[in-house]
Amino acid sequence: MKKVLMASAILIGFARCNDSGKSGNDTPKDTLTINDTLPVPKAADTSHATAASNDFPANFTPGKIFSADKADLHEQLSIQQLSDTKIAYELKMESGGCTSFGRKGVAVLKEGDAESDSDEKNNGYFVAEYMDEKTGECTVFIRIGADPGYTNRARFVLADCVKACQSKTESEPLFMAK
């Protein structure tokens, strides 16, 4: 969204620079003074959002549950596979002095670059990264281990989540219960 707004502002600026119309005093007619305000670009159409936000199943039945529990940290990620490229998820996070945070939604597999993570011994492994992005709301990234031996691992990252703990926006490595 920010990129669309920035691009719109730049295009408006270029259009104004290229306007060759002059008024009687040889000042370009679109010259701004200190008291003028810049035009506000129109918001982009978000009806084609990447994630299908209203597709959360009424009968959510997670096939995988990942968690991390230690001292005052409790994190859980429950996943239901909806298709090859879409998952329903529910996450919960409690951490020390922060308010408990929970979120559920539908995330779509990111296309393009291969993503990776590393384990406690700094060994790298590939992950499937899903994203739930809604304009003006919390964005959730979910990474689930894809390499053999690592499919029992996951992690989530929160971006722009007002109600989440601002000092902890990323989960610990989460492990699937055996």
C-alpha atoms as a PDB file:
ATOM      1  CA  MET A   1       0.000   0.000   0.000  1.00  0.00           C
ATOM      2  CA  LYS A   2       2.819   2.377   0.927  1.00  0.00           C
ATOM      3  CA  LYS A   3       4.562   1.623  -2.373  1.00  0.00           C
ATOM      4  CA  VAL A   4       1.407   2.475  -4.338  1.00  0.00           C
ATOM      5  CA  LEU A   5       1.027   5.784  -2.506  1.00  0.00           C
ATOM      6  CA  MET A   6       4.710   6.644  -2.986  1.00  0.00           C
ATOM      7  CA  ALA A   7       4.547   5.792  -6.695  1.00  0.00           C
ATOM      8  CA  SER A   8       1.415   7.936  -7.099  1.00  0.00           C
ATOM      9  CA  ALA A   9       3.084  10.901  -5.417  1.00  0.00           C
ATOM     10  CA  ILE A  10       6.178  10.563  -7.623  1.00  0.00           C
ATOM     11  CA  LEU A  11       4.085  10.358 -10.797  1.00  0.00           C
ATOM     12  CA  ILE A  12       2.128  13.464  -9.804  1.00  0.00           C
ATOM     13  CA  GLY A  13       5.421  15.268  -9.193  1.00  0.00           C
ATOM     14  CA  PHE A  14       6.775  14.286 -12.620  1.00  0.00           C
ATOM     15  CA  ALA A  15       3.548  15.339 -14.301  1.00  0.00           C
ATOM     16  CA  ARG A  16       3.757  18.751 -12.662  1.00  0.00           C
ATOM     17  CA  CYS A  17       7.398  19.177 -13.681  1.00  0.00           C
ATOM     18  CA  ASN A  18       6.615  18.386 -17.302  1.00  0.00           C
ATOM     19  CA  ASP A  19       3.737  20.882 -17.532  1.00  0.00           C
ATOM     20  CA  SER A  20       5.040  23.619 -19.814  1.00  0.00           C
ATOM     21  CA  GLY A  21       2.112  26.028 -19.365  1.00  0.00           C
ATOM     22  CA  LYS A  22       3.224  29.454 -18.181  1.00  0.00           C
ATOM     23  CA  SER A  23       1.194  32.296 -16.761  1.00  0.00           C
ATOM     24  CA  GLY A  24       1.768  35.949 -17.549  1.00  0.00           C
ATOM     25  CA  ASN A  25       4.654  36.315 -15.073  1.00  0.00           C
ATOM     26  CA  ASP A  26       6.648  33.322 -16.468  1.00  0.00           C
ATOM     27  CA  THR A  27       5.997  31.317 -13.315  1.00  0.00           C
ATOM     28  CA  PRO A  28       4.794  27.778 -13.990  1.00  0.00           C
ATOM     29  CA  LYS A  29       1.094  27.581 -13.254  1.00  0.00           C
ATOM     30  CA  ASP A  30       1.570  24.575 -10.975  1.00  0.00           C
ATOM     31  CA  THR A  31       4.258  26.105  -8.747  1.00  0.00           C
ATOM     32  CA  LEU A  32       3.480  25.552  -5.091  1.00  0.00           C
ATOM     33  CA  THR A  33       3.907  28.219  -2.460  1.00  0.00           C
ATOM     34  CA  ILE A  34       4.477  27.636   1.238  1.00  0.00           C
ATOM     35  CA  ASN A  35       0.757  27.952   1.953  1.00  0.00           C
ATOM     36  CA  ASP A  36      -0.272  25.442  -0.720  1.00  0.00           C
ATOM     37  CA  THR A  37      -0.974  21.817   0.109  1.00  0.00           C
ATOM     38  CA  LEU A  38       0.169  18.856  -1.922  1.00  0.00           C
ATOM     39  CA  PRO A  39      -2.520  16.781  -3.605  1.00  0.00           C
ATOM     40  CA  VAL A  40      -3.350  13.577  -1.773  1.00  0.00           C
ATOM     41  CA  PRO A  41      -3.223  10.513  -4.019  1.00  0.00           C
ATOM     42  CA  LYS A  42      -6.280   8.290  -4.037  1.00  0.00           C
ATOM     43  CA  ALA A  43      -6.045   5.065  -2.058  1.00  0.00           C
ATOM     44  CA  ALA A  44      -5.339   1.975  -4.095  1.00  0.00           C
ATOM     45  CA  ASP A  45      -8.048  -0.584  -4.722  1.00  0.00           C
ATOM     46  CA  THR A  46      -7.517  -3.430  -2.259  1.00  0.00           C
ATOM     47  CA  SER A  47     -10.376  -5.646  -3.377  1.00  0.00           C
ATOM     48  CA  HIS A  48      -7.868  -8.087  -4.880  1.00  0.00           C
ATOM     49  CA  ALA A  49      -5.904  -8.675  -1.641  1.00  0.00           C
ATOM     50  CA  THR A  50      -3.399 -11.530  -1.614  1.00  0.00           C
ATOM     51  CA  ALA A  51      -5.018 -13.452   1.217  1.00  0.00           C
ATOM     52  CA  ALA A  52      -8.606 -14.632   1.176  1.00  0.00           C
ATOM     53  CA  SER A  53      -9.411 -13.045   4.525  1.00  0.00           C
ATOM     54  CA  ASN A  54     -13.009 -14.246   4.875  1.00  0.00           C
ATOM     55  CA  ASP A  55     -12.293 -17.911   4.138  1.00  0.00           C
ATOM     56  CA  PHE A  56     -11.559 -18.956   7.755  1.00  0.00           C
ATOM     57  CA  PRO A  57     -13.362 -22.286   8.162  1.00  0.00           C
ATOM     58  CA  ALA A  58     -16.359 -22.381  10.496  1.00  0.00           C
ATOM     59  CA  ASN A  59     -15.211 -25.833  11.664  1.00  0.00           C
ATOM     60  CA  PHE A  60     -11.483 -25.080  12.165  1.00  0.00           C
ATOM     61  CA  THR A  61      -9.744 -28.433  12.645  1.00  0.00           C
ATOM     62  CA  PRO A  62      -5.964 -28.022  12.945  1.00  0.00           C
ATOM     63  CA  GLY A  63      -3.852 -30.835  11.539  1.00  0.00           C
ATOM     64  CA  LYS A  64      -0.653 -29.459  13.098  1.00  0.00           C
ATOM     65  CA  ILE A  65      -0.081 -27.642  16.375  1.00  0.00           C
ATOM     66  CA  PHE A  66       3.305 -26.042  17.076  1.00  0.00           C
ATOM     67  CA  SER A  67       4.243 -24.529  20.438  1.00  0.00           C
ATOM     68  CA  ALA A  68       6.971 -23.079  22.641  1.00  0.00           C
ATOM     69  CA  ASP A  69       6.628 -22.885  26.421  1.00  0.00           C
ATOM     70  CA  LYS A  70       9.243 -21.660  28.860  1.00  0.00           C
ATOM     71  CA  ALA A  71       8.999 -19.539  32.005  1.00  0.00           C
ATOM     72  CA  ASP A  72       6.563 -16.704  31.212  1.00  0.00           C
ATOM     73  CA  LEU A  73       6.594 -17.301  27.435  1.00  0.00           C
ATOM     74  CA  HIS A  74       3.768 -19.313  25.875  1.00  0.00           C
ATOM     75  CA  GLU A  75       3.310 -19.391  22.100  1.00  0.00           C
ATOM     76  CA  GLN A  76       1.127 -21.645  19.978  1.00  0.00           C
ATOM     77  CA  LEU A  77       0.403 -21.917  16.250  1.00  0.00           C
ATOM     78  CA  SER A  78      -2.380 -24.190  14.987  1.00  0.00           C
ATOM     79  CA  ILE A  79      -2.583 -24.946  11.247  1.00  0.00           C
ATOM     80  CA  GLN A  80      -5.283 -26.419   9.018  1.00  0.00           C
ATOM     81  CA  GLN A  81      -4.238 -27.034   5.389  1.00  0.00           C
ATOM     82  CA  LEU A  82      -6.967 -25.692   3.085  1.00  0.00           C
ATOM     83  CA  SER A  83      -5.172 -26.302  -0.247  1.00  0.00           C
ATOM     84  CA  ASP A  84      -1.643 -26.606  -1.628  1.00  0.00           C
ATOM     85  CA  THR A  85      -1.186 -22.842  -1.309  1.00  0.00           C
ATOM     86  CA  LYS A  86      -3.540 -21.828   1.518  1.00  0.00           C
ATOM     87  CA  ILE A  87      -3.729 -22.500   5.253  1.00  0.00           C
ATOM     88  CA  ALA A  88      -6.054 -21.454   8.055  1.00  0.00           C
ATOM     89  CA  TYR A  89      -4.209 -20.588  11.249  1.00  0.00           C
ATOM     90  CA  GLU A  90      -4.759 -19.567  14.836  1.00  0.00           C
ATOM     91  CA  LEU A  91      -1.916 -18.161  16.898  1.00  0.00           C
ATOM     92  CA  LYS A  92      -1.602 -17.263  20.566  1.00  0.00           C
ATOM     93  CA  MET A  93       1.216 -15.406  22.271  1.00  0.00           C
ATOM     94  CA  GLU A  94       1.837 -14.580  25.944  1.00  0.00           C
ATOM     95  CA  SER A  95       5.127 -13.005  26.882  1.00  0.00           C
ATOM     96  CA  GLY A  96       6.171 -11.529  30.216  1.00  0.00           C
ATOM     97  CA  GLY A  97       4.847  -8.008  30.738  1.00  0.00           C
ATOM     98  CA  CYS A  98       2.879  -7.939  27.475  1.00  0.00           C
ATOM     99  CA  THR A  99      -0.809  -8.466  27.058  1.00  0.00           C
ATOM    100  CA  SER A 100      -1.883 -11.834  25.653  1.00  0.00           C
ATOM    101  CA  PHE A 101      -2.325 -11.689  21.884  1.00  0.00           C
ATOM    102  CA  GLY A 102      -4.267 -13.991  19.577  1.00  0.00           C
ATOM    103  CA  ARG A 103      -5.144 -13.954  15.910  1.00  0.00           C
ATOM    104  CA  LYS A 104      -6.739 -16.273  13.398  1.00  0.00           C
ATOM    105  CA  GLY A 105      -7.022 -16.038   9.653  1.00  0.00           C
ATOM    106  CA  VAL A 106      -6.132 -17.490   6.283  1.00  0.00           C
ATOM    107  CA  ALA A 107      -2.629 -17.207   4.848  1.00  0.00           C
ATOM    108  CA  VAL A 108      -1.431 -17.771   1.277  1.00  0.00           C
ATOM    109  CA  LEU A 109       1.881 -19.318   0.234  1.00  0.00           C
ATOM    110  CA  LYS A 110       4.337 -16.666  -0.954  1.00  0.00           C
ATOM    111  CA  GLU A 111       5.555 -17.227  -4.491  1.00  0.00           C
ATOM    112  CA  GLY A 112       9.062 -16.481  -5.740  1.00  0.00           C
ATOM    113  CA  ASP A 113      12.235 -16.575  -3.683  1.00  0.00           C
ATOM    114  CA  ALA A 114      12.993 -19.700  -1.666  1.00  0.00           C
ATOM    115  CA  GLU A 115      12.951 -18.906   2.045  1.00  0.00           C
ATOM    116  CA  SER A 116      15.108 -20.552   4.698  1.00  0.00           C
ATOM    117  CA  ASP A 117      15.589 -20.613   8.438  1.00  0.00           C
ATOM    118  CA  SER A 118      18.266 -22.061  10.707  1.00  0.00           C
ATOM    119  CA  ASP A 119      18.108 -24.407  13.663  1.00  0.00           C
ATOM    120  CA  GLU A 120      19.787 -24.172  17.066  1.00  0.00           C
ATOM    121  CA  LYS A 121      23.054 -25.549  15.574  1.00  0.00           C
ATOM    122  CA  ASN A 122      22.918 -22.951  12.773  1.00  0.00           C
ATOM    123  CA  ASN A 123      22.051 -25.580  10.137  1.00  0.00           C
ATOM    124  CA  GLY A 124      19.933 -24.067   7.367  1.00  0.00           C
ATOM    125  CA  TYR A 125      16.697 -25.581   6.067  1.00  0.00           C
ATOM    126  CA  PHE A 126      14.034 -24.499   3.588  1.00  0.00           C
ATOM    127  CA  VAL A 127      10.634 -23.301   4.761  1.00  0.00           C
ATOM    128  CA  ALA A 128       7.262 -22.714   3.175  1.00  0.00           C
ATOM    129  CA  GLU A 129       6.358 -19.099   3.980  1.00  0.00           C
ATOM    130  CA  TYR A 130       2.711 -18.075   4.136  1.00  0.00           C
ATOM    131  CA  MET A 131       1.414 -14.529   4.472  1.00  0.00           C
ATOM    132  CA  ASP A 132      -1.844 -13.075   5.737  1.00  0.00           C
ATOM    133  CA  GLU A 133      -1.877  -9.415   4.737  1.00  0.00           C
ATOM    134  CA  LYS A 134      -4.894  -7.175   5.148  1.00  0.00           C
ATOM    135  CA  THR A 135      -4.572  -3.489   4.345  1.00  0.00           C
ATOM    136  CA  GLY A 136      -4.534  -1.366   7.474  1.00  0.00           C
ATOM    137  CA  GLU A 137      -4.382  -4.373   9.769  1.00  0.00           C
ATOM    138  CA  CYS A 138      -1.905  -6.782  11.224  1.00  0.00           C
ATOM    139  CA  THR A 139       0.252  -8.747   8.764  1.00  0.00           C
ATOM    140  CA  VAL A 140       1.241 -12.288   9.742  1.00  0.00           C
ATOM    141  CA  PHE A 141       4.095 -14.298   8.222  1.00  0.00           C
ATOM    142  CA  ILE A 142       4.140 -18.028   8.981  1.00  0.00           C
ATOM    143  CA  ARG A 143       7.183 -20.197   8.208  1.00  0.00           C
ATOM    144  CA  ILE A 144       6.825 -23.975   8.309  1.00  0.00           C
ATOM    145  CA  GLY A 145       9.814 -26.292   7.814  1.00  0.00           C
ATOM    146  CA  ALA A 146       9.774 -27.941   4.383  1.00  0.00           C
ATOM    147  CA  ASP A 147      12.977 -30.046   4.419  1.00  0.00           C
ATOM    148  CA  PRO A 148      12.904 -33.633   5.736  1.00  0.00           C
ATOM    149  CA  GLY A 149      13.628 -33.614   9.453  1.00  0.00           C
ATOM    150  CA  TYR A 150      12.370 -30.031   9.833  1.00  0.00           C
ATOM    151  CA  THR A 151       8.644 -30.357   9.064  1.00  0.00           C
ATOM    152  CA  ASN A 152       8.025 -30.365  12.826  1.00  0.00           C
ATOM    153  CA  ARG A 153       9.221 -26.711  13.113  1.00  0.00           C
ATOM    154  CA  ALA A 154       7.468 -23.413  12.562  1.00  0.00           C
ATOM    155  CA  ARG A 155       7.732 -19.721  13.388  1.00  0.00           C
ATOM    156  CA  PHE A 156       5.519 -16.664  12.992  1.00  0.00           C
ATOM    157  CA  VAL A 157       6.300 -12.966  12.617  1.00  0.00           C
ATOM    158  CA  LEU A 158       3.859 -10.110  13.240  1.00  0.00           C
ATOM    159  CA  ALA A 159       4.048  -6.758  11.456  1.00  0.00           C
ATOM    160  CA  ASP A 160       2.017  -3.628  12.264  1.00  0.00           C
ATOM    161  CA  CYS A 161      -0.077  -5.433  14.887  1.00  0.00           C
ATOM    162  CA  VAL A 162      -1.251  -2.735  17.276  1.00  0.00           C
ATOM    163  CA  LYS A 163      -2.478  -5.117  19.975  1.00  0.00           C
ATOM    164  CA  ALA A 164       0.617  -7.363  19.876  1.00  0.00           C
ATOM    165  CA  CYS A 165       3.592  -6.970  22.167  1.00  0.00           C
ATOM    166  CA  GLN A 166       5.748  -4.352  20.434  1.00  0.00           C
ATOM    167  CA  SER A 167       8.960  -5.630  22.027  1.00  0.00           C
ATOM    168  CA  LYS A 168       8.353  -9.193  20.762  1.00  0.00           C
ATOM    169  CA  THR A 169       6.988  -9.377  17.221  1.00  0.00           C
ATOM    170  CA  GLU A 170       8.481 -12.774  16.334  1.00  0.00           C
ATOM    171  CA  SER A 171       7.833 -16.154  17.886  1.00  0.00           C
ATOM    172  CA  GLU A 172      10.473 -18.411  19.297  1.00  0.00           C
ATOM    173  CA  PRO A 173      11.169 -21.533  17.217  1.00  0.00           C
ATOM    174  CA  LEU A 174       7.990 -23.581  17.606  1.00  0.00           C
ATOM    175  CA  PHE A 175       7.948 -27.374  17.658  1.00  0.00           C
ATOM    176  CA  MET A 176       5.138 -29.770  16.865  1.00  0.00           C
ATOM    177  CA  ALA A 177       4.045 -31.970  19.748  1.00  0.00           C
ATOM    178  CA  LYS A 178       5.015 -35.601  19.190  1.00  0.00           C
END
